[in-house]
PDB file of N, CA and C in Angstrom:
ATOM      1  N   MET A   1     -12.332  -1.719   1.384  1.00  0.00           N
ATOM      2  CA  MET A   1     -12.059  -2.132   0.291  1.00  0.00           C
ATOM      3  C   MET A   1     -10.688  -3.024   0.199  1.00  0.00           C
ATOM      4  N   TYR A   2      -9.623  -2.794   0.806  1.00  0.00           N
ATOM      5  CA  TYR A   2      -8.625  -3.369   0.718  1.00  0.00           C
ATOM      6  C   TYR A   2      -8.487  -4.444   1.956  1.00  0.00           C
ATOM      7  N   PHE A   3      -8.821  -3.730   3.188  1.00  0.00           N
ATOM      8  CA  PHE A   3      -9.138  -4.588   4.182  1.00  0.00           C
ATOM      9  C   PHE A   3      -9.828  -6.106   3.951  1.00  0.00           C
ATOM     10  N   LYS A   4     -10.952  -5.682   3.439  1.00  0.00           N
ATOM     11  CA  LYS A   4     -11.926  -7.143   2.947  1.00  0.00           C
ATOM     12  C   LYS A   4     -11.150  -8.005   1.973  1.00  0.00           C
ATOM     13  N   ALA A   5     -10.439  -7.262   1.127  1.00  0.00           N
ATOM     14  CA  ALA A   5      -9.962  -8.175   0.012  1.00  0.00           C
ATOM     15  C   ALA A   5      -8.497  -8.854   0.503  1.00  0.00           C
ATOM     16  N   PHE A   6      -7.979  -8.340   1.416  1.00  0.00           N
ATOM     17  CA  PHE A   6      -6.816  -8.788   2.547  1.00  0.00           C
ATOM     18  C   PHE A   6      -6.715  -8.647   3.645  1.00  0.00           C
ATOM     19  N   PRO A   7      -8.008  -9.854   3.934  1.00  0.00           N
ATOM     20  CA  PRO A   7      -8.169  -9.737   5.771  1.00  0.00           C
ATOM     21  C   PRO A   7      -6.646  -9.941   6.444  1.00  0.00           C
ATOM     22  N   ASP A   8      -6.016 -10.444   6.266  1.00  0.00           N
ATOM     23  CA  ASP A   8      -4.403 -10.826   6.881  1.00  0.00           C
ATOM     24  C   ASP A   8      -3.677  -9.442   6.735  1.00  0.00           C
ATOM     25  N   PHE A   9      -4.128  -8.280   6.291  1.00  0.00           N
ATOM     26  CA  PHE A   9      -3.318  -7.351   5.934  1.00  0.00           C
ATOM     27  C   PHE A   9      -2.475  -7.010   7.328  1.00  0.00           C
ATOM     28  N   HIS A  10      -1.146  -6.735   6.979  1.00  0.00           N
ATOM     29  CA  HIS A  10      -0.211  -6.179   7.904  1.00  0.00           C
ATOM     30  C   HIS A  10       0.634  -5.213   7.323  1.00  0.00           C
ATOM     31  N   ALA A  11       1.026  -3.870   8.053  1.00  0.00           N
ATOM     32  CA  ALA A  11       1.822  -3.335   7.750  1.00  0.00           C
ATOM     33  C   ALA A  11       3.099  -2.978   8.685  1.00  0.00           C
ATOM     34  N   GLU A  12       4.057  -2.797   8.316  1.00  0.00           N
ATOM     35  CA  GLU A  12       5.382  -2.784   8.991  1.00  0.00           C
ATOM     36  C   GLU A  12       5.960  -1.554   8.833  1.00  0.00           C
ATOM     37  N   VAL A  13       5.767  -0.345   9.404  1.00  0.00           N
ATOM     38  CA  VAL A  13       6.806   0.897   8.997  1.00  0.00           C
ATOM     39  C   VAL A  13       8.054   0.663   8.844  1.00  0.00           C
ATOM     40  N   GLU A  14       8.682   1.071   8.271  1.00  0.00           N
ATOM     41  CA  GLU A  14      10.215   0.918   7.831  1.00  0.00           C
ATOM     42  C   GLU A  14      11.166   2.408   8.188  1.00  0.00           C
ATOM     43  N   ASP A  15      10.426   3.221   7.817  1.00  0.00           N
ATOM     44  CA  ASP A  15      11.187   4.490   8.495  1.00  0.00           C
ATOM     45  C   ASP A  15       9.853   5.599   8.700  1.00  0.00           C
ATOM     46  N   LEU A  16      10.186   6.419   9.339  1.00  0.00           N
ATOM     47  CA  LEU A  16       9.162   7.498  10.018  1.00  0.00           C
ATOM     48  C   LEU A  16      10.182   8.689  10.245  1.00  0.00           C
ATOM     49  N   ILE A  17       9.871   9.583   9.362  1.00  0.00           N
ATOM     50  CA  ILE A  17      10.674  11.150   9.237  1.00  0.00           C
ATOM     51  C   ILE A  17       9.650  12.226   9.785  1.00  0.00           C
ATOM     52  N   ALA A  18       9.859  12.816  10.637  1.00  0.00           N
ATOM     53  CA  ALA A  18       9.401  14.315  11.140  1.00  0.00           C
ATOM     54  C   ALA A  18       9.925  15.388  11.148  1.00  0.00           C
ATOM     55  N   GLU A  19       9.443  16.252  10.208  1.00  0.00           N
ATOM     56  CA  GLU A  19      10.390  17.842  10.047  1.00  0.00           C
ATOM     57  C   GLU A  19       9.307  18.760   9.793  1.00  0.00           C
ATOM     58  N   GLY A  20       9.240  19.941  10.605  1.00  0.00           N
ATOM     59  CA  GLY A  20       8.098  20.843  10.722  1.00  0.00           C
ATOM     60  C   GLY A  20       6.882  20.359  11.104  1.00  0.00           C
ATOM     61  N   ASP A  21       6.240  20.662  10.181  1.00  0.00           N
ATOM     62  CA  ASP A  21       4.504  20.486  10.121  1.00  0.00           C
ATOM     63  C   ASP A  21       4.265  18.874   9.420  1.00  0.00           C
ATOM     64  N   ARG A  22       5.206  18.254   8.667  1.00  0.00           N
ATOM     65  CA  ARG A  22       4.927  17.142   8.104  1.00  0.00           C
ATOM     66  C   ARG A  22       5.920  15.918   8.708  1.00  0.00           C
ATOM     67  N   VAL A  23       4.925  14.701   8.585  1.00  0.00           N
ATOM     68  CA  VAL A  23       5.878  13.286   8.932  1.00  0.00           C
ATOM     69  C   VAL A  23       5.677  12.620   7.634  1.00  0.00           C
ATOM     70  N   VAL A  24       6.574  12.096   7.341  1.00  0.00           N
ATOM     71  CA  VAL A  24       6.803  11.139   6.166  1.00  0.00           C
ATOM     72  C   VAL A  24       7.195   9.731   6.642  1.00  0.00           C
ATOM     73  N   SER A  25       6.399   8.989   6.282  1.00  0.00           N
ATOM     74  CA  SER A  25       6.352   7.136   6.516  1.00  0.00           C
ATOM     75  C   SER A  25       6.297   6.218   5.392  1.00  0.00           C
ATOM     76  N   ARG A  26       7.501   5.229   5.327  1.00  0.00           N
ATOM     77  CA  ARG A  26       7.772   4.268   4.343  1.00  0.00           C
ATOM     78  C   ARG A  26       7.168   2.861   5.057  1.00  0.00           C
ATOM     79  N   ALA A  27       5.946   2.149   4.624  1.00  0.00           N
ATOM     80  CA  ALA A  27       5.760   1.074   5.104  1.00  0.00           C
ATOM     81  C   ALA A  27       6.050   0.116   4.113  1.00  0.00           C
ATOM     82  N   THR A  28       5.969  -1.142   4.738  1.00  0.00           N
ATOM     83  CA  THR A  28       5.688  -2.325   3.816  1.00  0.00           C
ATOM     84  C   THR A  28       4.380  -3.007   4.206  1.00  0.00           C
ATOM     85  N   VAL A  29       3.550  -3.248   3.387  1.00  0.00           N
ATOM     86  CA  VAL A  29       2.095  -3.939   3.582  1.00  0.00           C
ATOM     87  C   VAL A  29       2.151  -5.265   2.925  1.00  0.00           C
ATOM     88  N   ARG A  30       1.945  -6.420   3.526  1.00  0.00           N
ATOM     89  CA  ARG A  30       1.593  -7.624   3.253  1.00  0.00           C
ATOM     90  C   ARG A  30       0.272  -8.239   3.507  1.00  0.00           C
ATOM     91  N   GLY A  31      -0.095  -8.939   2.504  1.00  0.00           N
ATOM     92  CA  GLY A  31      -1.477  -9.770   2.726  1.00  0.00           C
ATOM     93  C   GLY A  31      -1.847 -10.628   1.465  1.00  0.00           C
ATOM     94  N   THR A  32      -3.087 -11.569   2.071  1.00  0.00           N
ATOM     95  CA  THR A  32      -3.300 -12.486   0.847  1.00  0.00           C
ATOM     96  C   THR A  32      -4.712 -12.002   0.593  1.00  0.00           C
ATOM     97  N   HIS A  33      -4.633 -12.364  -0.761  1.00  0.00           N
ATOM     98  CA  HIS A  33      -5.803 -11.811  -1.638  1.00  0.00           C
ATOM     99  C   HIS A  33      -7.083 -12.948  -1.515  1.00  0.00           C
ATOM    100  N   LYS A  34      -7.869 -12.538  -0.412  1.00  0.00           N
ATOM    101  CA  LYS A  34      -9.042 -13.816  -0.361  1.00  0.00           C
ATOM    102  C   LYS A  34     -10.202 -13.310  -0.460  1.00  0.00           C
ATOM    103  N   ASP A  35     -10.308 -11.939  -1.297  1.00  0.00           N
ATOM    104  CA  ASP A  35     -11.669 -11.502  -1.411  1.00  0.00           C
ATOM    105  C   ASP A  35     -11.865 -10.711  -2.580  1.00  0.00           C
ATOM    106  N   GLU A  36     -12.810 -10.296  -3.170  1.00  0.00           N
ATOM    107  CA  GLU A  36     -12.759  -9.278  -4.424  1.00  0.00           C
ATOM    108  C   GLU A  36     -12.067  -8.246  -4.166  1.00  0.00           C
ATOM    109  N   LEU A  37     -11.353  -7.730  -5.254  1.00  0.00           N
ATOM    110  CA  LEU A  37     -10.890  -6.119  -5.319  1.00  0.00           C
ATOM    111  C   LEU A  37     -10.855  -5.841  -6.709  1.00  0.00           C
ATOM    112  N   MET A  38     -11.413  -4.716  -7.056  1.00  0.00           N
ATOM    113  CA  MET A  38     -11.970  -3.870  -7.805  1.00  0.00           C
ATOM    114  C   MET A  38     -12.326  -4.884  -8.975  1.00  0.00           C
ATOM    115  N   GLY A  39     -13.385  -5.694  -8.642  1.00  0.00           N
ATOM    116  CA  GLY A  39     -13.860  -6.630  -9.635  1.00  0.00           C
ATOM    117  C   GLY A  39     -13.107  -7.796 -10.100  1.00  0.00           C
ATOM    118  N   MET A  40     -12.021  -8.024  -9.091  1.00  0.00           N
ATOM    119  CA  MET A  40     -10.968  -9.025  -9.534  1.00  0.00           C
ATOM    120  C   MET A  40     -11.708 -10.395  -8.414  1.00  0.00           C
ATOM    121  N   ALA A  41     -11.737 -11.655  -9.080  1.00  0.00           N
ATOM    122  CA  ALA A  41     -11.584 -12.938  -8.147  1.00  0.00           C
ATOM    123  C   ALA A  41     -10.535 -12.762  -7.394  1.00  0.00           C
ATOM    124  N   PRO A  42     -11.139 -13.538  -5.875  1.00  0.00           N
ATOM    125  CA  PRO A  42      -9.758 -13.578  -5.106  1.00  0.00           C
ATOM    126  C   PRO A  42      -8.584 -14.785  -5.937  1.00  0.00           C
ATOM    127  N   THR A  43      -7.314 -14.418  -5.704  1.00  0.00           N
ATOM    128  CA  THR A  43      -6.135 -15.376  -6.211  1.00  0.00           C
ATOM    129  C   THR A  43      -5.890 -16.335  -5.209  1.00  0.00           C
ATOM    130  N   GLY A  44      -5.786 -15.866  -3.778  1.00  0.00           N
ATOM    131  CA  GLY A  44      -5.047 -16.544  -3.028  1.00  0.00           C
ATOM    132  C   GLY A  44      -3.738 -16.237  -2.882  1.00  0.00           C
ATOM    133  N   LYS A  45      -3.275 -15.258  -3.601  1.00  0.00           N
ATOM    134  CA  LYS A  45      -1.551 -15.024  -3.649  1.00  0.00           C
ATOM    135  C   LYS A  45      -1.128 -14.009  -2.952  1.00  0.00           C
ATOM    136  N   GLN A  46      -0.351 -14.354  -2.135  1.00  0.00           N
ATOM    137  CA  GLN A  46       0.270 -13.250  -1.161  1.00  0.00           C
ATOM    138  C   GLN A  46       1.021 -12.050  -2.117  1.00  0.00           C
ATOM    139  N   VAL A  47       1.042 -10.634  -1.335  1.00  0.00           N
ATOM    140  CA  VAL A  47       1.257  -9.701  -2.138  1.00  0.00           C
ATOM    141  C   VAL A  47       2.193  -8.846  -0.949  1.00  0.00           C
ATOM    142  N   THR A  48       3.249  -8.320  -1.499  1.00  0.00           N
ATOM    143  CA  THR A  48       3.966  -7.316  -0.624  1.00  0.00           C
ATOM    144  C   THR A  48       4.467  -5.955  -1.543  1.00  0.00           C
ATOM    145  N   VAL A  49       3.745  -4.569  -0.682  1.00  0.00           N
ATOM    146  CA  VAL A  49       3.787  -3.434  -1.488  1.00  0.00           C
ATOM    147  C   VAL A  49       4.100  -2.347  -0.586  1.00  0.00           C
ATOM    148  N   THR A  50       4.755  -1.644  -1.174  1.00  0.00           N
ATOM    149  CA  THR A  50       5.248  -0.386  -0.682  1.00  0.00           C
ATOM    150  C   THR A  50       4.532   0.716  -0.297  1.00  0.00           C
ATOM    151  N   VAL A  51       4.487   1.402   0.670  1.00  0.00           N
ATOM    152  CA  VAL A  51       3.733   2.640   0.615  1.00  0.00           C
ATOM    153  C   VAL A  51       4.423   3.725   1.223  1.00  0.00           C
ATOM    154  N   ILE A  52       4.125   4.625   0.582  1.00  0.00           N
ATOM    155  CA  ILE A  52       4.989   6.039   1.102  1.00  0.00           C
ATOM    156  C   ILE A  52       3.909   6.831   1.554  1.00  0.00           C
ATOM    157  N   CYS A  53       3.644   7.783   2.610  1.00  0.00           N
ATOM    158  CA  CYS A  53       2.769   8.871   3.027  1.00  0.00           C
ATOM    159  C   CYS A  53       3.214  10.091   3.769  1.00  0.00           C
ATOM    160  N   ILE A  54       2.898  11.091   3.103  1.00  0.00           N
ATOM    161  CA  ILE A  54       3.452  12.361   3.639  1.00  0.00           C
ATOM    162  C   ILE A  54       2.341  13.010   4.395  1.00  0.00           C
ATOM    163  N   THR A  55       2.332  13.331   5.462  1.00  0.00           N
ATOM    164  CA  THR A  55       1.234  14.095   6.429  1.00  0.00           C
ATOM    165  C   THR A  55       1.420  15.326   6.893  1.00  0.00           C
ATOM    166  N   ARG A  56       0.561  16.362   6.672  1.00  0.00           N
ATOM    167  CA  ARG A  56       0.849  17.538   7.264  1.00  0.00           C
ATOM    168  C   ARG A  56      -0.046  17.970   8.100  1.00  0.00           C
ATOM    169  N   PHE A  57       0.281  18.323   9.318  1.00  0.00           N
ATOM    170  CA  PHE A  57      -0.664  18.540  10.479  1.00  0.00           C
ATOM    171  C   PHE A  57      -0.404  20.240  10.798  1.00  0.00           C
ATOM    172  N   ALA A  58      -1.743  20.627  11.534  1.00  0.00           N
ATOM    173  CA  ALA A  58      -1.750  21.797  11.882  1.00  0.00           C
ATOM    174  C   ALA A  58      -2.655  21.800  13.032  1.00  0.00           C
ATOM    175  N   ASP A  59      -2.348  22.151  14.365  1.00  0.00           N
ATOM    176  CA  ASP A  59      -3.052  22.328  15.570  1.00  0.00           C
ATOM    177  C   ASP A  59      -3.722  21.045  16.072  1.00  0.00           C
ATOM    178  N   ASN A  60      -2.706  19.969  15.982  1.00  0.00           N
ATOM    179  CA  ASN A  60      -3.017  18.673  16.138  1.00  0.00           C
ATOM    180  C   ASN A  60      -3.768  18.162  15.178  1.00  0.00           C
ATOM    181  N   ARG A  61      -4.270  18.321  14.395  1.00  0.00           N
ATOM    182  CA  ARG A  61      -4.683  17.757  13.420  1.00  0.00           C
ATOM    183  C   ARG A  61      -4.501  17.293  12.128  1.00  0.00           C
ATOM    184  N   ILE A  62      -4.952  16.368  11.439  1.00  0.00           N
ATOM    185  CA  ILE A  62      -4.341  16.146  10.186  1.00  0.00           C
ATOM    186  C   ILE A  62      -5.038  17.312   9.017  1.00  0.00           C
ATOM    187  N   ILE A  63      -4.270  17.882   8.246  1.00  0.00           N
ATOM    188  CA  ILE A  63      -4.434  19.042   7.473  1.00  0.00           C
ATOM    189  C   ILE A  63      -4.642  18.559   6.004  1.00  0.00           C
ATOM    190  N   GLU A  64      -3.517  17.667   5.605  1.00  0.00           N
ATOM    191  CA  GLU A  64      -3.319  17.145   4.370  1.00  0.00           C
ATOM    192  C   GLU A  64      -2.673  15.849   4.517  1.00  0.00           C
ATOM    193  N   ASP A  65      -3.015  14.926   3.251  1.00  0.00           N
ATOM    194  CA  ASP A  65      -2.368  13.679   3.373  1.00  0.00           C
ATOM    195  C   ASP A  65      -2.060  13.100   1.944  1.00  0.00           C
ATOM    196  N   TRP A  66      -0.832  12.860   1.735  1.00  0.00           N
ATOM    197  CA  TRP A  66      -0.478  12.399   0.440  1.00  0.00           C
ATOM    198  C   TRP A  66      -0.128  10.806   0.305  1.00  0.00           C
ATOM    199  N   GLU A  67      -0.573  10.053  -0.465  1.00  0.00           N
ATOM    200  CA  GLU A  67       0.031   8.650  -0.341  1.00  0.00           C
ATOM    201  C   GLU A  67       0.643   8.392  -1.570  1.00  0.00           C
ATOM    202  N   LEU A  68       1.565   7.369  -1.615  1.00  0.00           N
ATOM    203  CA  LEU A  68       2.038   6.797  -2.990  1.00  0.00           C
ATOM    204  C   LEU A  68       1.917   5.300  -2.735  1.00  0.00           C
ATOM    205  N   VAL A  69       1.057   4.346  -3.359  1.00  0.00           N
ATOM    206  CA  VAL A  69       1.097   3.088  -3.106  1.00  0.00           C
ATOM    207  C   VAL A  69       1.566   2.389  -4.349  1.00  0.00           C
ATOM    208  N   ASP A  70       2.225   1.397  -4.175  1.00  0.00           N
ATOM    209  CA  ASP A  70       2.988   0.390  -5.568  1.00  0.00           C
ATOM    210  C   ASP A  70       1.760  -0.320  -6.075  1.00  0.00           C
ATOM    211  N   MET A  71       0.575   0.430  -6.689  1.00  0.00           N
ATOM    212  CA  MET A  71      -0.442  -0.762  -7.183  1.00  0.00           C
ATOM    213  C   MET A  71       0.062  -1.160  -8.608  1.00  0.00           C
ATOM    214  N   PHE A  72       0.852  -0.936  -9.202  1.00  0.00           N
ATOM    215  CA  PHE A  72       1.495  -1.763 -10.587  1.00  0.00           C
ATOM    216  C   PHE A  72       1.938  -2.936 -10.066  1.00  0.00           C
ATOM    217  N   GLY A  73       2.935  -2.540  -8.806  1.00  0.00           N
ATOM    218  CA  GLY A  73       3.514  -4.042  -8.019  1.00  0.00           C
ATOM    219  C   GLY A  73       2.824  -4.962  -7.793  1.00  0.00           C
ATOM    220  N   MET A  74       1.452  -4.398  -7.119  1.00  0.00           N
ATOM    221  CA  MET A  74       0.552  -5.363  -6.646  1.00  0.00           C
ATOM    222  C   MET A  74      -0.048  -6.126  -7.541  1.00  0.00           C
ATOM    223  N   LEU A  75      -0.585  -5.438  -8.266  1.00  0.00           N
ATOM    224  CA  LEU A  75      -1.315  -6.149  -9.753  1.00  0.00           C
ATOM    225  C   LEU A  75       0.014  -7.018 -10.290  1.00  0.00           C
ATOM    226  N   GLN A  76       0.985  -6.666 -10.539  1.00  0.00           N
ATOM    227  CA  GLN A  76       1.801  -7.693 -10.999  1.00  0.00           C
ATOM    228  C   GLN A  76       2.156  -9.036 -10.170  1.00  0.00           C
ATOM    229  N   GLN A  77       1.924  -9.089  -8.744  1.00  0.00           N
ATOM    230  CA  GLN A  77       1.960  -9.815  -8.118  1.00  0.00           C
ATOM    231  C   GLN A  77       0.513 -11.133  -7.984  1.00  0.00           C
ATOM    232  N   LEU A  78      -0.376 -10.087  -8.051  1.00  0.00           N
ATOM    233  CA  LEU A  78      -1.578 -11.039  -8.315  1.00  0.00           C
ATOM    234  C   LEU A  78      -1.791 -11.385  -9.702  1.00  0.00           C
ATOM    235  N   GLY A  79      -0.532 -11.090 -10.583  1.00  0.00           N
ATOM    236  CA  GLY A  79      -0.989 -11.877 -12.144  1.00  0.00           C
ATOM    237  C   GLY A  79      -2.126 -10.860 -12.961  1.00  0.00           C
ATOM    238  N   VAL A  80      -2.176  -9.631 -12.739  1.00  0.00           N
ATOM    239  CA  VAL A  80      -3.142  -9.255 -13.316  1.00  0.00           C
ATOM    240  C   VAL A  80      -2.297  -8.278 -14.743  1.00  0.00           C
ATOM    241  N   SER A  81      -1.316  -7.850 -14.077  1.00  0.00           N
ATOM    242  CA  SER A  81      -0.701  -6.786 -15.155  1.00  0.00           C
ATOM    243  C   SER A  81       0.638  -7.568 -15.467  1.00  0.00           C
ATOM    244  N   PRO A  82       1.117  -7.680 -16.864  1.00  0.00           N
ATOM    245  CA  PRO A  82       1.850  -8.357 -17.464  1.00  0.00           C
ATOM    246  C   PRO A  82       3.610  -7.792 -16.719  1.00  0.00           C
ATOM    247  N   LEU A  83       4.382  -8.808 -16.573  1.00  0.00           N
ATOM    248  CA  LEU A  83       5.727  -8.176 -16.109  1.00  0.00           C
ATOM    249  C   LEU A  83       6.272  -7.524 -17.143  1.00  0.00           C
ATOM    250  N   PRO A  84       7.351  -6.530 -17.331  1.00  0.00           N
ATOM    251  CA  PRO A  84       7.970  -5.771 -18.101  1.00  0.00           C
ATOM    252  C   PRO A  84       8.960  -7.147 -18.940  1.00  0.00           C
ATOM    253  N   ALA A  85       9.068  -6.390 -20.025  1.00  0.00           N
ATOM    254  CA  ALA A  85      10.069  -7.492 -20.976  1.00  0.00           C
ATOM    255  C   ALA A  85      11.258  -7.479 -20.540  1.00  0.00           C
ATOM    256  N   GLN A  86      11.844  -8.590 -20.450  1.00  0.00           N
ATOM    257  CA  GLN A  86      13.200  -8.764 -19.938  1.00  0.00           C
ATOM    258  C   GLN A  86      14.373  -8.435 -21.138  1.00  0.00           C
ATOM    259  N   GLY A  87      15.493  -7.326 -21.098  1.00  0.00           N
ATOM    260  CA  GLY A  87      16.360  -7.203 -22.145  1.00  0.00           C
ATOM    261  C   GLY A  87      17.404  -6.833 -21.402  1.00  0.00           C
TER     262      GLY A  87
END
């Protein structure tokens, strides 16, 4: 869904930390909204989103994976979600 909506999708790993059976990565993802996303027509806007992943390995296989994606920030950049009030 995201690769179609953001065909110029590019991720840059900012941090990569391994300890024990887990690897944590923090990446910055960039792309231009050029196709439908969750029912939203393409806006042509570029977004920059932070993604944090924690992956647990066992026997050289991924056993668990947790991801935190700044969806609210992405929706704000696309103009879908209002910005918080300035105070």
